[in-house]
Amino acid sequence: MRIASLLPSASEIICDIGLKDNLVAISHECDYPKGLEEKKVITSSSIQSDLDQNEIDKQVRKKFQNKIPLYEINTQLLNELKPDIIVTQGLCDVCAISSSEIEVVLKGTLCTLPSSTQIISLNGKSFEEICTEIINLGELLDAKSAAKEHVGKAMVKKDNLDSLPKYSRKILSLEWIDPYFSAGHWVPEQIEIAGFRSAIGQRGEPSRVISIEEIIDSDPDDIAVICCGYKLHENELFAEKLKNNKEINFLKPFKSNKIYSFDSDFYFSRPTTRIIEGAEQLRSSVLG
């Protein structure tokens, strides 16, 4: 079975259930686990990654307004590789190629894939939904046993966290800082699993732009900088930038040095079982 993954989390899951060798193509953002660099890259972004956050946000909004895709698919390579299954997502048009976008490509005159090619869309917004999708994907790819074993290990980690004491501390998780975005979908649940409360955003809700007033009114005890698409060292720089904002740096987290940075790509942004590891890191950071 030949698989093309247009989503970093899908590539990770496929490798987790023992099907790395079946991957014939990946997205330009697929960087985990090791070895994926040997795979054919089938997508590219129309947004420059080296721009500052405000400029990225402006470009994304402009492209949406003009109905210009944020990502491009190498149709010629797709035809040559002839995947049996294409795995993508339907949650966020900014994060990766959506199922509707790939369907447009498949129906286009430039694509000659057979009608038997299946498109699988992963849309899990919670830990439970993510686990269910992993098992369903495993069943589809004849790897259900490996999928169940992988999910089982993550559930044990979650149960261990659930058994620990809970705290009333409110954590503000920021998915972007210029403009400010609250973190959504599974991130508020990660905060709850870690034993705390989400200052803004409930489990399952999408991320959204938030105002300075909302941040102040939320009265957070801690702030987690988990800007989407960035690694630890980049989020550390964003945290330092945050500390210089006089509009909010009088809040408790700044006075008590309770601002934390994480590798968002690996532990918060992608819907895989590693969100439990993100919850573990969050709890460890907050409790010291």
C-alpha atoms as a PDB file:
ATOM      1  CA  MET A   1       0.000   0.000   0.000  1.00  0.00           C
ATOM      2  CA  ARG A   2       1.462   3.318  -1.134  1.00  0.00           C
ATOM      3  CA  ILE A   3       0.699   6.284   1.142  1.00  0.00           C
ATOM      4  CA  ALA A   4       1.115  10.019   0.549  1.00  0.00           C
ATOM      5  CA  SER A   5       0.912  12.120   3.713  1.00  0.00           C
ATOM      6  CA  LEU A   6       0.172  15.820   3.405  1.00  0.00           C
ATOM      7  CA  LEU A   7       0.216  16.331   7.162  1.00  0.00           C
ATOM      8  CA  PRO A   8       3.097  16.145   9.685  1.00  0.00           C
ATOM      9  CA  SER A   9       0.939  14.430  12.315  1.00  0.00           C
ATOM     10  CA  ALA A  10      -0.240  11.844   9.771  1.00  0.00           C
ATOM     11  CA  SER A  11       3.350  11.026   8.805  1.00  0.00           C
ATOM     12  CA  GLU A  12       4.232  10.604  12.474  1.00  0.00           C
ATOM     13  CA  ILE A  13       1.233   8.353  13.140  1.00  0.00           C
ATOM     14  CA  ILE A  14       1.952   6.233  10.067  1.00  0.00           C
ATOM     15  CA  CYS A  15       5.505   5.710  11.316  1.00  0.00           C
ATOM     16  CA  ASP A  16       4.251   5.016  14.873  1.00  0.00           C
ATOM     17  CA  ILE A  17       2.163   2.088  13.612  1.00  0.00           C
ATOM     18  CA  GLY A  18       5.039   0.590  11.643  1.00  0.00           C
ATOM     19  CA  LEU A  19       4.268   1.765   8.107  1.00  0.00           C
ATOM     20  CA  LYS A  20       7.144   4.148   7.464  1.00  0.00           C
ATOM     21  CA  ASP A  21       8.259   2.119   4.444  1.00  0.00           C
ATOM     22  CA  ASN A  22       4.814   2.573   2.889  1.00  0.00           C
ATOM     23  CA  LEU A  23       5.189   6.356   2.800  1.00  0.00           C
ATOM     24  CA  VAL A  24       6.003   7.402  -0.757  1.00  0.00           C
ATOM     25  CA  ALA A  25       5.470  11.137  -0.245  1.00  0.00           C
ATOM     26  CA  ILE A  26       5.277  13.656   2.596  1.00  0.00           C
ATOM     27  CA  SER A  27       4.607  17.359   3.085  1.00  0.00           C
ATOM     28  CA  HIS A  28       7.341  19.984   3.320  1.00  0.00           C
ATOM     29  CA  GLU A  29       6.602  20.284   7.054  1.00  0.00           C
ATOM     30  CA  CYS A  30       7.006  16.584   7.908  1.00  0.00           C
ATOM     31  CA  ASP A  31      10.136  16.457  10.080  1.00  0.00           C
ATOM     32  CA  TYR A  32       9.474  13.684  12.594  1.00  0.00           C
ATOM     33  CA  PRO A  33      10.531  10.938  13.143  1.00  0.00           C
ATOM     34  CA  LYS A  34      14.050  10.671  11.767  1.00  0.00           C
ATOM     35  CA  GLY A  35      14.303   9.183   8.323  1.00  0.00           C
ATOM     36  CA  LEU A  36      11.500  11.171   6.735  1.00  0.00           C
ATOM     37  CA  GLU A  37      14.086  13.389   5.076  1.00  0.00           C
ATOM     38  CA  GLU A  38      14.621  10.505   2.649  1.00  0.00           C
ATOM     39  CA  LYS A  39      11.019  10.686   1.416  1.00  0.00           C
ATOM     40  CA  LYS A  40       9.749  12.628  -1.589  1.00  0.00           C
ATOM     41  CA  VAL A  41       8.344  16.039  -0.653  1.00  0.00           C
ATOM     42  CA  ILE A  42       5.084  16.715  -2.469  1.00  0.00           C
ATOM     43  CA  THR A  43       3.947  20.096  -1.097  1.00  0.00           C
ATOM     44  CA  SER A  44       5.272  23.622  -0.677  1.00  0.00           C
ATOM     45  CA  SER A  45       4.080  26.808   1.031  1.00  0.00           C
ATOM     46  CA  SER A  46       3.253  30.095  -0.655  1.00  0.00           C
ATOM     47  CA  ILE A  47       4.084  31.987   2.570  1.00  0.00           C
ATOM     48  CA  GLN A  48       7.668  32.905   3.438  1.00  0.00           C
ATOM     49  CA  SER A  49       8.582  31.233   6.733  1.00  0.00           C
ATOM     50  CA  ASP A  50      11.236  33.810   7.651  1.00  0.00           C
ATOM     51  CA  LEU A  51       8.758  36.695   7.996  1.00  0.00           C
ATOM     52  CA  ASP A  52       7.716  38.080  11.366  1.00  0.00           C
ATOM     53  CA  GLN A  53       4.410  36.895  12.803  1.00  0.00           C
ATOM     54  CA  ASN A  54       2.472  40.037  11.973  1.00  0.00           C
ATOM     55  CA  GLU A  55       3.524  39.908   8.334  1.00  0.00           C
ATOM     56  CA  ILE A  56       2.709  36.191   8.112  1.00  0.00           C
ATOM     57  CA  ASP A  57      -0.739  36.903   9.531  1.00  0.00           C
ATOM     58  CA  LYS A  58      -1.306  39.690   6.994  1.00  0.00           C
ATOM     59  CA  GLN A  59      -0.237  37.491   4.083  1.00  0.00           C
ATOM     60  CA  VAL A  60      -2.457  34.626   5.224  1.00  0.00           C
ATOM     61  CA  ARG A  61      -5.482  36.925   5.513  1.00  0.00           C
ATOM     62  CA  LYS A  62      -4.789  38.486   2.109  1.00  0.00           C
ATOM     63  CA  LYS A  63      -4.544  35.085   0.426  1.00  0.00           C
ATOM     64  CA  PHE A  64      -7.774  33.942   2.063  1.00  0.00           C
ATOM     65  CA  GLN A  65      -9.545  37.098   0.898  1.00  0.00           C
ATOM     66  CA  ASN A  66      -8.313  36.559  -2.653  1.00  0.00           C
ATOM     67  CA  LYS A  67      -8.989  32.788  -2.478  1.00  0.00           C
ATOM     68  CA  ILE A  68      -5.343  31.978  -3.138  1.00  0.00           C
ATOM     69  CA  PRO A  69      -4.146  28.616  -1.719  1.00  0.00           C
ATOM     70  CA  LEU A  70      -1.579  28.742   1.074  1.00  0.00           C
ATOM     71  CA  TYR A  71      -0.066  25.477  -0.116  1.00  0.00           C
ATOM     72  CA  GLU A  72       0.779  23.942  -3.454  1.00  0.00           C
ATOM     73  CA  ILE A  73       0.863  20.279  -4.451  1.00  0.00           C
ATOM     74  CA  ASN A  74       3.386  18.909  -6.937  1.00  0.00           C
ATOM     75  CA  THR A  75       0.806  17.312  -9.222  1.00  0.00           C
ATOM     76  CA  GLN A  76       3.393  15.844 -11.583  1.00  0.00           C
ATOM     77  CA  LEU A  77       5.144  14.036  -8.740  1.00  0.00           C
ATOM     78  CA  LEU A  78       1.792  12.938  -7.322  1.00  0.00           C
ATOM     79  CA  ASN A  79       0.953  11.331 -10.669  1.00  0.00           C
ATOM     80  CA  GLU A  80       4.342   9.603 -10.838  1.00  0.00           C
ATOM     81  CA  LEU A  81       4.144   8.181  -7.311  1.00  0.00           C
ATOM     82  CA  LYS A  82       0.580   6.887  -7.727  1.00  0.00           C
ATOM     83  CA  PRO A  83      -0.363   6.602  -4.033  1.00  0.00           C
ATOM     84  CA  ASP A  84      -3.214   4.298  -3.044  1.00  0.00           C
ATOM     85  CA  ILE A  85      -4.067   6.542  -0.093  1.00  0.00           C
ATOM     86  CA  ILE A  86      -3.634  10.266   0.498  1.00  0.00           C
ATOM     87  CA  VAL A  87      -3.863  11.407   4.125  1.00  0.00           C
ATOM     88  CA  THR A  88      -4.688  15.030   4.894  1.00  0.00           C
ATOM     89  CA  GLN A  89      -6.833  17.041   7.334  1.00  0.00           C
ATOM     90  CA  GLY A  90      -9.916  19.239   7.534  1.00  0.00           C
ATOM     91  CA  LEU A  91      -9.326  21.188  10.746  1.00  0.00           C
ATOM     92  CA  CYS A  92      -7.239  24.164   9.692  1.00  0.00           C
ATOM     93  CA  ASP A  93      -6.568  25.632   6.249  1.00  0.00           C
ATOM     94  CA  VAL A  94      -3.554  27.478   7.682  1.00  0.00           C
ATOM     95  CA  CYS A  95      -1.838  24.424   9.180  1.00  0.00           C
ATOM     96  CA  ALA A  96      -1.816  22.068   6.193  1.00  0.00           C
ATOM     97  CA  ILE A  97      -3.533  21.138   2.946  1.00  0.00           C
ATOM     98  CA  SER A  98      -7.201  20.410   3.590  1.00  0.00           C
ATOM     99  CA  SER A  99      -9.245  17.506   2.262  1.00  0.00           C
ATOM    100  CA  SER A 100     -11.315  19.865   0.088  1.00  0.00           C
ATOM    101  CA  GLU A 101      -8.150  21.304  -1.462  1.00  0.00           C
ATOM    102  CA  ILE A 102      -6.716  17.926  -2.405  1.00  0.00           C
ATOM    103  CA  GLU A 103     -10.081  16.892  -3.857  1.00  0.00           C
ATOM    104  CA  VAL A 104      -9.941  19.911  -6.160  1.00  0.00           C
ATOM    105  CA  VAL A 105      -6.489  18.804  -7.328  1.00  0.00           C
ATOM    106  CA  LEU A 106      -7.666  15.235  -7.898  1.00  0.00           C
ATOM    107  CA  LYS A 107     -10.529  16.474 -10.054  1.00  0.00           C
ATOM    108  CA  GLY A 108      -8.252  18.764 -12.039  1.00  0.00           C
ATOM    109  CA  THR A 109      -7.085  18.026 -15.545  1.00  0.00           C
ATOM    110  CA  LEU A 110      -3.451  17.789 -14.403  1.00  0.00           C
ATOM    111  CA  CYS A 111      -4.080  14.833 -12.115  1.00  0.00           C
ATOM    112  CA  THR A 112      -4.282  11.341 -13.585  1.00  0.00           C
ATOM    113  CA  LEU A 113      -4.573   9.261 -10.419  1.00  0.00           C
ATOM    114  CA  PRO A 114      -7.018   6.361 -10.603  1.00  0.00           C
ATOM    115  CA  SER A 115     -10.477   6.746  -9.095  1.00  0.00           C
ATOM    116  CA  SER A 116      -9.554   4.059  -6.555  1.00  0.00           C
ATOM    117  CA  THR A 117      -7.177   6.476  -4.772  1.00  0.00           C
ATOM    118  CA  GLN A 118      -8.603   7.135  -1.300  1.00  0.00           C
ATOM    119  CA  ILE A 119      -8.460  10.459   0.544  1.00  0.00           C
ATOM    120  CA  ILE A 120      -8.404  10.142   4.332  1.00  0.00           C
ATOM    121  CA  SER A 121      -9.034  13.279   6.389  1.00  0.00           C
ATOM    122  CA  LEU A 122      -7.883  13.424  10.016  1.00  0.00           C
ATOM    123  CA  ASN A 123      -9.950  15.876  12.064  1.00  0.00           C
ATOM    124  CA  GLY A 124      -9.476  14.929  15.724  1.00  0.00           C
ATOM    125  CA  LYS A 125      -9.968  17.868  18.110  1.00  0.00           C
ATOM    126  CA  SER A 126      -9.485  16.004  21.402  1.00  0.00           C
ATOM    127  CA  PHE A 127      -7.278  13.257  22.818  1.00  0.00           C
ATOM    128  CA  GLU A 128     -10.099  10.741  22.494  1.00  0.00           C
ATOM    129  CA  GLU A 129     -10.820  11.705  18.885  1.00  0.00           C
ATOM    130  CA  ILE A 130      -7.122  11.582  17.997  1.00  0.00           C
ATOM    131  CA  CYS A 131      -6.834   8.074  19.478  1.00  0.00           C
ATOM    132  CA  THR A 132      -9.953   6.924  17.639  1.00  0.00           C
ATOM    133  CA  GLU A 133      -8.584   8.209  14.343  1.00  0.00           C
ATOM    134  CA  ILE A 134      -5.258   6.452  14.908  1.00  0.00           C
ATOM    135  CA  ILE A 135      -7.038   3.135  15.460  1.00  0.00           C
ATOM    136  CA  ASN A 136      -9.309   3.713  12.444  1.00  0.00           C
ATOM    137  CA  LEU A 137      -6.305   4.569  10.286  1.00  0.00           C
ATOM    138  CA  GLY A 138      -4.533   1.466  11.547  1.00  0.00           C
ATOM    139  CA  GLU A 139      -7.522  -0.670  10.603  1.00  0.00           C
ATOM    140  CA  LEU A 140      -7.645   0.837   7.122  1.00  0.00           C
ATOM    141  CA  LEU A 141      -3.914   0.260   6.632  1.00  0.00           C
ATOM    142  CA  ASP A 142      -3.905  -3.296   8.033  1.00  0.00           C
ATOM    143  CA  ALA A 143      -2.022  -2.210  11.145  1.00  0.00           C
ATOM    144  CA  LYS A 144      -4.827  -2.172  13.721  1.00  0.00           C
ATOM    145  CA  SER A 145      -2.875  -4.164  16.322  1.00  0.00           C
ATOM    146  CA  ALA A 146       0.078  -1.747  16.188  1.00  0.00           C
ATOM    147  CA  ALA A 147      -2.297   1.212  16.316  1.00  0.00           C
ATOM    148  CA  LYS A 148      -4.079  -0.140  19.401  1.00  0.00           C
ATOM    149  CA  GLU A 149      -0.762  -0.802  21.135  1.00  0.00           C
ATOM    150  CA  HIS A 150       0.459   2.719  20.378  1.00  0.00           C
ATOM    151  CA  VAL A 151      -2.764   4.297  21.634  1.00  0.00           C
ATOM    152  CA  GLY A 152      -2.725   2.085  24.715  1.00  0.00           C
ATOM    153  CA  LYS A 153       0.669   3.399  25.793  1.00  0.00           C
ATOM    154  CA  ALA A 154      -0.548   6.988  25.454  1.00  0.00           C
ATOM    155  CA  MET A 155      -3.666   6.205  27.494  1.00  0.00           C
ATOM    156  CA  VAL A 156      -1.525   4.843  30.320  1.00  0.00           C
ATOM    157  CA  LYS A 157       0.445   8.125  30.382  1.00  0.00           C
ATOM    158  CA  LYS A 158      -2.791  10.110  30.413  1.00  0.00           C
ATOM    159  CA  ASP A 159      -4.243   7.980  33.231  1.00  0.00           C
ATOM    160  CA  ASN A 160      -1.087   8.583  35.260  1.00  0.00           C
ATOM    161  CA  LEU A 161      -1.494  12.342  34.835  1.00  0.00           C
ATOM    162  CA  ASP A 162      -5.210  12.161  35.630  1.00  0.00           C
ATOM    163  CA  SER A 163      -4.406  10.492  38.947  1.00  0.00           C
ATOM    164  CA  LEU A 164      -2.201  13.387  40.099  1.00  0.00           C
ATOM    165  CA  PRO A 165      -3.459  16.344  42.204  1.00  0.00           C
ATOM    166  CA  LYS A 166      -5.346  19.126  40.411  1.00  0.00           C
ATOM    167  CA  TYR A 167      -4.712  22.849  40.863  1.00  0.00           C
ATOM    168  CA  SER A 168      -6.767  26.014  40.400  1.00  0.00           C
ATOM    169  CA  ARG A 169      -3.990  27.776  38.489  1.00  0.00           C
ATOM    170  CA  LYS A 170      -5.140  29.363  35.215  1.00  0.00           C
ATOM    171  CA  ILE A 171      -2.856  28.871  32.227  1.00  0.00           C
ATOM    172  CA  LEU A 172      -3.042  31.229  29.262  1.00  0.00           C
ATOM    173  CA  SER A 173      -1.777  29.382  26.179  1.00  0.00           C
ATOM    174  CA  LEU A 174      -0.775  31.604  23.252  1.00  0.00           C
ATOM    175  CA  GLU A 175      -0.663  30.122  19.766  1.00  0.00           C
ATOM    176  CA  TRP A 176       0.488  33.421  18.233  1.00  0.00           C
ATOM    177  CA  ILE A 177       1.584  36.728  19.739  1.00  0.00           C
ATOM    178  CA  ASP A 178       1.282  39.228  16.884  1.00  0.00           C
ATOM    179  CA  PRO A 179      -1.688  39.360  16.783  1.00  0.00           C
ATOM    180  CA  TYR A 180      -2.560  37.369  19.888  1.00  0.00           C
ATOM    181  CA  PHE A 181      -4.252  34.018  19.283  1.00  0.00           C
ATOM    182  CA  SER A 182      -5.534  31.704  21.979  1.00  0.00           C
ATOM    183  CA  ALA A 183      -4.578  28.063  21.528  1.00  0.00           C
ATOM    184  CA  GLY A 184      -7.503  25.844  20.593  1.00  0.00           C
ATOM    185  CA  HIS A 185      -8.758  22.341  19.863  1.00  0.00           C
ATOM    186  CA  TRP A 186      -6.858  19.892  22.118  1.00  0.00           C
ATOM    187  CA  VAL A 187      -4.615  22.458  23.881  1.00  0.00           C
ATOM    188  CA  PRO A 188      -7.159  23.480  26.570  1.00  0.00           C
ATOM    189  CA  GLU A 189      -7.575  19.761  27.215  1.00  0.00           C
ATOM    190  CA  GLN A 190      -3.795  19.410  27.540  1.00  0.00           C
ATOM    191  CA  ILE A 191      -3.920  22.092  30.221  1.00  0.00           C
ATOM    192  CA  GLU A 192      -6.649  20.166  32.056  1.00  0.00           C
ATOM    193  CA  ILE A 193      -4.752  16.877  31.737  1.00  0.00           C
ATOM    194  CA  ALA A 194      -1.706  18.639  33.226  1.00  0.00           C
ATOM    195  CA  GLY A 195      -3.867  19.479  36.243  1.00  0.00           C
ATOM    196  CA  PHE A 196      -4.713  23.140  35.612  1.00  0.00           C
ATOM    197  CA  ARG A 197      -7.421  25.378  34.120  1.00  0.00           C
ATOM    198  CA  SER A 198      -7.435  27.075  30.735  1.00  0.00           C
ATOM    199  CA  ALA A 199      -7.622  30.862  31.123  1.00  0.00           C
ATOM    200  CA  ILE A 200      -9.031  31.382  27.606  1.00  0.00           C
ATOM    201  CA  GLY A 201     -10.531  28.682  25.412  1.00  0.00           C
ATOM    202  CA  GLN A 202     -12.314  25.414  26.076  1.00  0.00           C
ATOM    203  CA  ARG A 203     -11.488  21.944  24.797  1.00  0.00           C
ATOM    204  CA  GLY A 204     -12.538  21.452  21.186  1.00  0.00           C
ATOM    205  CA  GLU A 205     -12.861  25.150  20.390  1.00  0.00           C
ATOM    206  CA  PRO A 206     -10.737  26.537  17.530  1.00  0.00           C
ATOM    207  CA  SER A 207      -7.994  29.045  18.197  1.00  0.00           C
ATOM    208  CA  ARG A 208      -8.991  32.678  17.676  1.00  0.00           C
ATOM    209  CA  VAL A 209      -7.711  36.224  17.855  1.00  0.00           C
ATOM    210  CA  ILE A 210      -7.906  37.603  21.397  1.00  0.00           C
ATOM    211  CA  SER A 211      -7.657  41.198  22.554  1.00  0.00           C
ATOM    212  CA  ILE A 212      -5.392  42.754  25.159  1.00  0.00           C
ATOM    213  CA  GLU A 213      -8.527  43.317  27.257  1.00  0.00           C
ATOM    214  CA  GLU A 214      -9.390  39.610  27.137  1.00  0.00           C
ATOM    215  CA  ILE A 215      -5.892  38.676  28.239  1.00  0.00           C
ATOM    216  CA  ILE A 216      -6.052  41.092  31.160  1.00  0.00           C
ATOM    217  CA  ASP A 217      -9.574  39.989  32.154  1.00  0.00           C
ATOM    218  CA  SER A 218      -8.583  36.322  32.073  1.00  0.00           C
ATOM    219  CA  ASP A 219      -6.165  37.030  34.956  1.00  0.00           C
ATOM    220  CA  PRO A 220      -3.786  34.126  34.218  1.00  0.00           C
ATOM    221  CA  ASP A 221      -1.391  32.683  36.778  1.00  0.00           C
ATOM    222  CA  ASP A 222       0.942  31.346  34.084  1.00  0.00           C
ATOM    223  CA  ILE A 223       1.488  31.856  30.358  1.00  0.00           C
ATOM    224  CA  ALA A 224       2.538  29.119  27.932  1.00  0.00           C
ATOM    225  CA  VAL A 225       4.074  30.354  24.674  1.00  0.00           C
ATOM    226  CA  ILE A 226       3.333  27.658  22.108  1.00  0.00           C
ATOM    227  CA  CYS A 227       3.294  29.566  18.825  1.00  0.00           C
ATOM    228  CA  CYS A 228       2.149  27.188  16.095  1.00  0.00           C
ATOM    229  CA  GLY A 229       4.832  25.964  13.724  1.00  0.00           C
ATOM    230  CA  TYR A 230       7.783  26.961  15.906  1.00  0.00           C
ATOM    231  CA  LYS A 231      10.443  25.096  17.862  1.00  0.00           C
ATOM    232  CA  LEU A 232      11.570  25.699  21.445  1.00  0.00           C
ATOM    233  CA  HIS A 233      14.289  28.277  20.756  1.00  0.00           C
ATOM    234  CA  GLU A 234      11.910  30.317  18.582  1.00  0.00           C
ATOM    235  CA  ASN A 235       9.189  30.317  21.221  1.00  0.00           C
ATOM    236  CA  GLU A 236      11.771  31.375  23.798  1.00  0.00           C
ATOM    237  CA  LEU A 237      12.434  34.453  21.653  1.00  0.00           C
ATOM    238  CA  PHE A 238       8.698  35.125  21.408  1.00  0.00           C
ATOM    239  CA  ALA A 239       8.434  34.885  25.200  1.00  0.00           C
ATOM    240  CA  GLU A 240      11.157  37.496  25.583  1.00  0.00           C
ATOM    241  CA  LYS A 241       9.326  39.753  23.146  1.00  0.00           C
ATOM    242  CA  LEU A 242       6.155  39.246  25.157  1.00  0.00           C
ATOM    243  CA  LYS A 243       7.873  40.462  28.326  1.00  0.00           C
ATOM    244  CA  ASN A 244       8.528  43.824  26.682  1.00  0.00           C
ATOM    245  CA  ASN A 245       4.853  44.499  26.010  1.00  0.00           C
ATOM    246  CA  LYS A 246       3.881  47.142  28.554  1.00  0.00           C
ATOM    247  CA  GLU A 247       0.188  46.543  27.875  1.00  0.00           C
ATOM    248  CA  ILE A 248       0.305  43.194  29.660  1.00  0.00           C
ATOM    249  CA  ASN A 249       3.652  42.837  31.447  1.00  0.00           C
ATOM    250  CA  PHE A 250       2.130  44.022  34.716  1.00  0.00           C
ATOM    251  CA  LEU A 251       0.159  40.770  34.990  1.00  0.00           C
ATOM    252  CA  LYS A 252       1.011  38.079  37.553  1.00  0.00           C
ATOM    253  CA  PRO A 253       2.969  35.750  35.235  1.00  0.00           C
ATOM    254  CA  PHE A 254       5.442  38.518  34.424  1.00  0.00           C
ATOM    255  CA  LYS A 255       5.943  39.564  38.034  1.00  0.00           C
ATOM    256  CA  SER A 256       6.442  35.975  39.233  1.00  0.00           C
ATOM    257  CA  ASN A 257       8.436  34.811  36.201  1.00  0.00           C
ATOM    258  CA  LYS A 258       5.784  32.272  35.230  1.00  0.00           C
ATOM    259  CA  ILE A 259       6.111  32.415  31.448  1.00  0.00           C
ATOM    260  CA  TYR A 260       7.100  29.165  29.774  1.00  0.00           C
ATOM    261  CA  SER A 261       8.158  28.268  26.246  1.00  0.00           C
ATOM    262  CA  PHE A 262       7.789  24.905  24.520  1.00  0.00           C
ATOM    263  CA  ASP A 263       8.559  23.112  21.284  1.00  0.00           C
ATOM    264  CA  SER A 264       5.074  23.611  19.910  1.00  0.00           C
ATOM    265  CA  ASP A 265       5.694  21.621  16.734  1.00  0.00           C
ATOM    266  CA  PHE A 266       6.547  18.491  18.680  1.00  0.00           C
ATOM    267  CA  TYR A 267       4.241  18.666  21.706  1.00  0.00           C
ATOM    268  CA  PHE A 268       1.289  21.040  21.154  1.00  0.00           C
ATOM    269  CA  SER A 269       0.523  21.920  17.520  1.00  0.00           C
ATOM    270  CA  ARG A 270       0.195  18.454  16.026  1.00  0.00           C
ATOM    271  CA  PRO A 271      -2.673  16.054  16.829  1.00  0.00           C
ATOM    272  CA  THR A 272      -0.701  12.962  17.807  1.00  0.00           C
ATOM    273  CA  THR A 273      -0.339  11.083  21.091  1.00  0.00           C
ATOM    274  CA  ARG A 274       2.627  13.314  21.898  1.00  0.00           C
ATOM    275  CA  ILE A 275       0.174  15.914  23.172  1.00  0.00           C
ATOM    276  CA  ILE A 276       0.301  13.864  26.394  1.00  0.00           C
ATOM    277  CA  GLU A 277       4.046  14.500  26.543  1.00  0.00           C
ATOM    278  CA  GLY A 278       3.215  18.176  26.094  1.00  0.00           C
ATOM    279  CA  ALA A 279       0.873  17.996  29.089  1.00  0.00           C
ATOM    280  CA  GLU A 280       3.664  16.334  31.092  1.00  0.00           C
ATOM    281  CA  GLN A 281       6.080  19.130  30.153  1.00  0.00           C
ATOM    282  CA  LEU A 282       3.525  21.786  31.056  1.00  0.00           C
ATOM    283  CA  ARG A 283       2.889  20.292  34.484  1.00  0.00           C
ATOM    284  CA  SER A 284       6.601  19.908  35.165  1.00  0.00           C
ATOM    285  CA  SER A 285       7.320  23.527  34.137  1.00  0.00           C
ATOM    286  CA  VAL A 286       4.496  25.089  36.160  1.00  0.00           C
ATOM    287  CA  LEU A 287       5.141  23.059  39.312  1.00  0.00           C
ATOM    288  CA  GLY A 288       8.881  23.410  39.018  1.00  0.00           C
END
